[in-house]
Amino acid sequence: MKREDDFSVRRAHLADLSDEQLKERFWGLTEKVVDPLLVLGYENTTPAIERSVLLRMGFSSLEVAQIVTECEERGLLGYGAGHAVYKLAKMKDIDIRAAGLALADGEYWQEVENALKVVN
């Protein structure tokens, strides 16, 4: 079976574009494809994703479970569990590990909740 070459027909609408115009068209189309994926990432998360983030931040699975559970119960999961830890570290001027351990121990949740909901 021989494939008909229809390249010249398919590219007719692009034939008169300069390299710069082709480049702009390419990036415009790329944004159309990628933008919905970015929105999906920003607007959706799961406990599994948040656990994964915290594990990569250096917390143990037991610590992670406590932080993510508390984020879920307080309606903060959409802000990101890692973001909650980071926000506390900045607010208290402590390192990330100390902030996460404090949250895992049940400390500072009201402050984090207030800070996340005010900023976002």
C-alpha atoms as a PDB file:
ATOM      1  CA  MET A   1       0.000   0.000   0.000  1.00  0.00           C
ATOM      2  CA  LYS A   2       1.432   3.312  -1.034  1.00  0.00           C
ATOM      3  CA  ARG A   3       0.730   6.385   1.020  1.00  0.00           C
ATOM      4  CA  GLU A   4      -0.270   9.450  -0.907  1.00  0.00           C
ATOM      5  CA  ASP A   5       1.910  12.411  -0.138  1.00  0.00           C
ATOM      6  CA  ASP A   6      -0.416  15.245   0.813  1.00  0.00           C
ATOM      7  CA  PHE A   7       2.159  17.351   2.637  1.00  0.00           C
ATOM      8  CA  SER A   8       1.919  20.258   0.213  1.00  0.00           C
ATOM      9  CA  VAL A   9      -1.877  20.329   0.627  1.00  0.00           C
ATOM     10  CA  ARG A  10      -1.740  20.121   4.418  1.00  0.00           C
ATOM     11  CA  ARG A  11       0.860  22.891   4.718  1.00  0.00           C
ATOM     12  CA  ALA A  12      -0.803  25.319   2.311  1.00  0.00           C
ATOM     13  CA  HIS A  13      -2.100  27.532   5.129  1.00  0.00           C
ATOM     14  CA  LEU A  14       1.437  27.773   6.507  1.00  0.00           C
ATOM     15  CA  ALA A  15       3.324  28.296   3.258  1.00  0.00           C
ATOM     16  CA  ASP A  16       3.367  32.094   3.381  1.00  0.00           C
ATOM     17  CA  LEU A  17       4.425  32.386   7.030  1.00  0.00           C
ATOM     18  CA  SER A  18       7.940  33.514   7.930  1.00  0.00           C
ATOM     19  CA  ASP A  19      10.099  31.536  10.341  1.00  0.00           C
ATOM     20  CA  GLU A  20       9.208  34.017  13.094  1.00  0.00           C
ATOM     21  CA  GLN A  21       5.482  33.656  12.368  1.00  0.00           C
ATOM     22  CA  LEU A  22       5.802  29.866  12.372  1.00  0.00           C
ATOM     23  CA  LYS A  23       7.599  30.035  15.690  1.00  0.00           C
ATOM     24  CA  GLU A  24       4.843  32.238  17.169  1.00  0.00           C
ATOM     25  CA  ARG A  25       2.181  29.869  15.834  1.00  0.00           C
ATOM     26  CA  PHE A  26       3.995  26.861  17.285  1.00  0.00           C
ATOM     27  CA  TRP A  27       4.244  28.398  20.778  1.00  0.00           C
ATOM     28  CA  GLY A  28       0.657  29.615  20.618  1.00  0.00           C
ATOM     29  CA  LEU A  29      -0.586  26.128  19.833  1.00  0.00           C
ATOM     30  CA  THR A  30       1.688  24.663  22.500  1.00  0.00           C
ATOM     31  CA  GLU A  31       0.159  26.965  25.097  1.00  0.00           C
ATOM     32  CA  LYS A  32      -3.322  25.855  24.046  1.00  0.00           C
ATOM     33  CA  VAL A  33      -2.315  22.271  24.773  1.00  0.00           C
ATOM     34  CA  VAL A  34      -0.397  22.891  27.995  1.00  0.00           C
ATOM     35  CA  ASP A  35      -2.581  25.534  29.699  1.00  0.00           C
ATOM     36  CA  PRO A  36      -5.423  23.138  30.578  1.00  0.00           C
ATOM     37  CA  LEU A  37      -2.872  20.744  32.090  1.00  0.00           C
ATOM     38  CA  LEU A  38      -1.458  23.520  34.264  1.00  0.00           C
ATOM     39  CA  VAL A  39      -4.942  24.501  35.415  1.00  0.00           C
ATOM     40  CA  LEU A  40      -5.644  20.876  36.257  1.00  0.00           C
ATOM     41  CA  GLY A  41      -2.467  20.707  38.315  1.00  0.00           C
ATOM     42  CA  TYR A  42      -3.171  23.943  40.161  1.00  0.00           C
ATOM     43  CA  GLU A  43      -6.793  23.136  40.918  1.00  0.00           C
ATOM     44  CA  ASN A  44      -6.599  19.453  41.755  1.00  0.00           C
ATOM     45  CA  THR A  45      -4.597  17.410  44.182  1.00  0.00           C
ATOM     46  CA  THR A  46      -4.999  14.247  46.179  1.00  0.00           C
ATOM     47  CA  PRO A  47      -3.744  13.015  49.530  1.00  0.00           C
ATOM     48  CA  ALA A  48      -1.383  10.692  47.631  1.00  0.00           C
ATOM     49  CA  ILE A  49       0.161  13.599  45.748  1.00  0.00           C
ATOM     50  CA  GLU A  50       0.539  15.635  48.927  1.00  0.00           C
ATOM     51  CA  ARG A  51       2.110  12.663  50.740  1.00  0.00           C
ATOM     52  CA  SER A  52       4.541  12.304  47.865  1.00  0.00           C
ATOM     53  CA  VAL A  53       5.522  15.974  48.082  1.00  0.00           C
ATOM     54  CA  LEU A  54       6.169  15.736  51.821  1.00  0.00           C
ATOM     55  CA  LEU A  55       8.153  12.528  51.453  1.00  0.00           C
ATOM     56  CA  ARG A  56      10.377  14.320  48.957  1.00  0.00           C
ATOM     57  CA  MET A  57      10.782  17.125  51.464  1.00  0.00           C
ATOM     58  CA  GLY A  58      12.383  14.576  53.809  1.00  0.00           C
ATOM     59  CA  PHE A  59       9.580  13.595  56.170  1.00  0.00           C
ATOM     60  CA  SER A  60       8.855  10.021  57.217  1.00  0.00           C
ATOM     61  CA  SER A  61       5.665   8.296  56.165  1.00  0.00           C
ATOM     62  CA  LEU A  62       4.299   8.562  59.731  1.00  0.00           C
ATOM     63  CA  GLU A  63       4.963  12.310  59.837  1.00  0.00           C
ATOM     64  CA  VAL A  64       3.502  12.728  56.371  1.00  0.00           C
ATOM     65  CA  ALA A  65       0.330  10.865  57.304  1.00  0.00           C
ATOM     66  CA  GLN A  66      -0.291  13.183  60.250  1.00  0.00           C
ATOM     67  CA  ILE A  67       0.301  16.367  58.240  1.00  0.00           C
ATOM     68  CA  VAL A  68      -1.837  15.300  55.283  1.00  0.00           C
ATOM     69  CA  THR A  69      -4.683  14.079  57.503  1.00  0.00           C
ATOM     70  CA  GLU A  70      -4.767  17.388  59.332  1.00  0.00           C
ATOM     71  CA  CYS A  71      -4.665  19.311  56.032  1.00  0.00           C
ATOM     72  CA  GLU A  72      -7.620  17.266  54.812  1.00  0.00           C
ATOM     73  CA  GLU A  73      -9.641  17.788  57.981  1.00  0.00           C
ATOM     74  CA  ARG A  74      -9.056  21.545  57.906  1.00  0.00           C
ATOM     75  CA  GLY A  75      -9.804  21.902  54.184  1.00  0.00           C
ATOM     76  CA  LEU A  76      -6.238  22.939  53.391  1.00  0.00           C
ATOM     77  CA  LEU A  77      -5.282  20.159  51.005  1.00  0.00           C
ATOM     78  CA  GLY A  78      -5.941  22.355  47.976  1.00  0.00           C
ATOM     79  CA  TYR A  79      -3.285  24.788  49.203  1.00  0.00           C
ATOM     80  CA  GLY A  80      -0.741  21.969  49.337  1.00  0.00           C
ATOM     81  CA  ALA A  81       0.603  20.176  52.382  1.00  0.00           C
ATOM     82  CA  GLY A  82       4.146  21.139  51.437  1.00  0.00           C
ATOM     83  CA  HIS A  83       3.017  24.734  51.122  1.00  0.00           C
ATOM     84  CA  ALA A  84       1.557  24.578  54.630  1.00  0.00           C
ATOM     85  CA  VAL A  85       4.895  23.363  55.988  1.00  0.00           C
ATOM     86  CA  TYR A  86       6.811  25.983  54.014  1.00  0.00           C
ATOM     87  CA  LYS A  87       4.443  28.754  55.121  1.00  0.00           C
ATOM     88  CA  LEU A  88       4.908  27.843  58.782  1.00  0.00           C
ATOM     89  CA  ALA A  89       8.685  27.714  58.383  1.00  0.00           C
ATOM     90  CA  LYS A  90       8.674  31.240  56.954  1.00  0.00           C
ATOM     91  CA  MET A  91       6.216  32.573  59.545  1.00  0.00           C
ATOM     92  CA  LYS A  92       8.206  31.179  62.488  1.00  0.00           C
ATOM     93  CA  ASP A  93      11.647  31.628  60.881  1.00  0.00           C
ATOM     94  CA  ILE A  94      12.491  27.960  61.428  1.00  0.00           C
ATOM     95  CA  ASP A  95      13.722  25.294  59.049  1.00  0.00           C
ATOM     96  CA  ILE A  96      11.348  23.177  57.004  1.00  0.00           C
ATOM     97  CA  ARG A  97      11.991  20.037  59.034  1.00  0.00           C
ATOM     98  CA  ALA A  98      11.169  21.764  62.331  1.00  0.00           C
ATOM     99  CA  ALA A  99       8.007  23.260  60.836  1.00  0.00           C
ATOM    100  CA  GLY A 100       6.813  19.901  59.533  1.00  0.00           C
ATOM    101  CA  LEU A 101       7.519  18.162  62.823  1.00  0.00           C
ATOM    102  CA  ALA A 102       5.600  20.851  64.697  1.00  0.00           C
ATOM    103  CA  LEU A 103       2.611  20.364  62.394  1.00  0.00           C
ATOM    104  CA  ALA A 104       2.873  16.587  62.736  1.00  0.00           C
ATOM    105  CA  ASP A 105       2.723  17.111  66.517  1.00  0.00           C
ATOM    106  CA  GLY A 106      -0.454  19.156  66.123  1.00  0.00           C
ATOM    107  CA  GLU A 107       1.082  22.567  66.729  1.00  0.00           C
ATOM    108  CA  TYR A 108       0.455  25.852  64.856  1.00  0.00           C
ATOM    109  CA  TRP A 109      -2.405  24.592  62.700  1.00  0.00           C
ATOM    110  CA  GLN A 110      -4.665  27.547  63.385  1.00  0.00           C
ATOM    111  CA  GLU A 111      -1.903  29.965  62.390  1.00  0.00           C
ATOM    112  CA  VAL A 112      -1.215  28.064  59.180  1.00  0.00           C
ATOM    113  CA  GLU A 113      -4.900  27.852  58.390  1.00  0.00           C
ATOM    114  CA  ASN A 114      -5.349  31.602  58.863  1.00  0.00           C
ATOM    115  CA  ALA A 115      -2.260  32.425  56.805  1.00  0.00           C
ATOM    116  CA  LEU A 116      -3.192  30.185  53.882  1.00  0.00           C
ATOM    117  CA  LYS A 117      -6.804  31.276  53.701  1.00  0.00           C
ATOM    118  CA  VAL A 118      -5.927  34.986  53.934  1.00  0.00           C
ATOM    119  CA  VAL A 119      -3.190  34.896  51.290  1.00  0.00           C
ATOM    120  CA  ASN A 120      -5.017  32.646  48.877  1.00  0.00           C
END
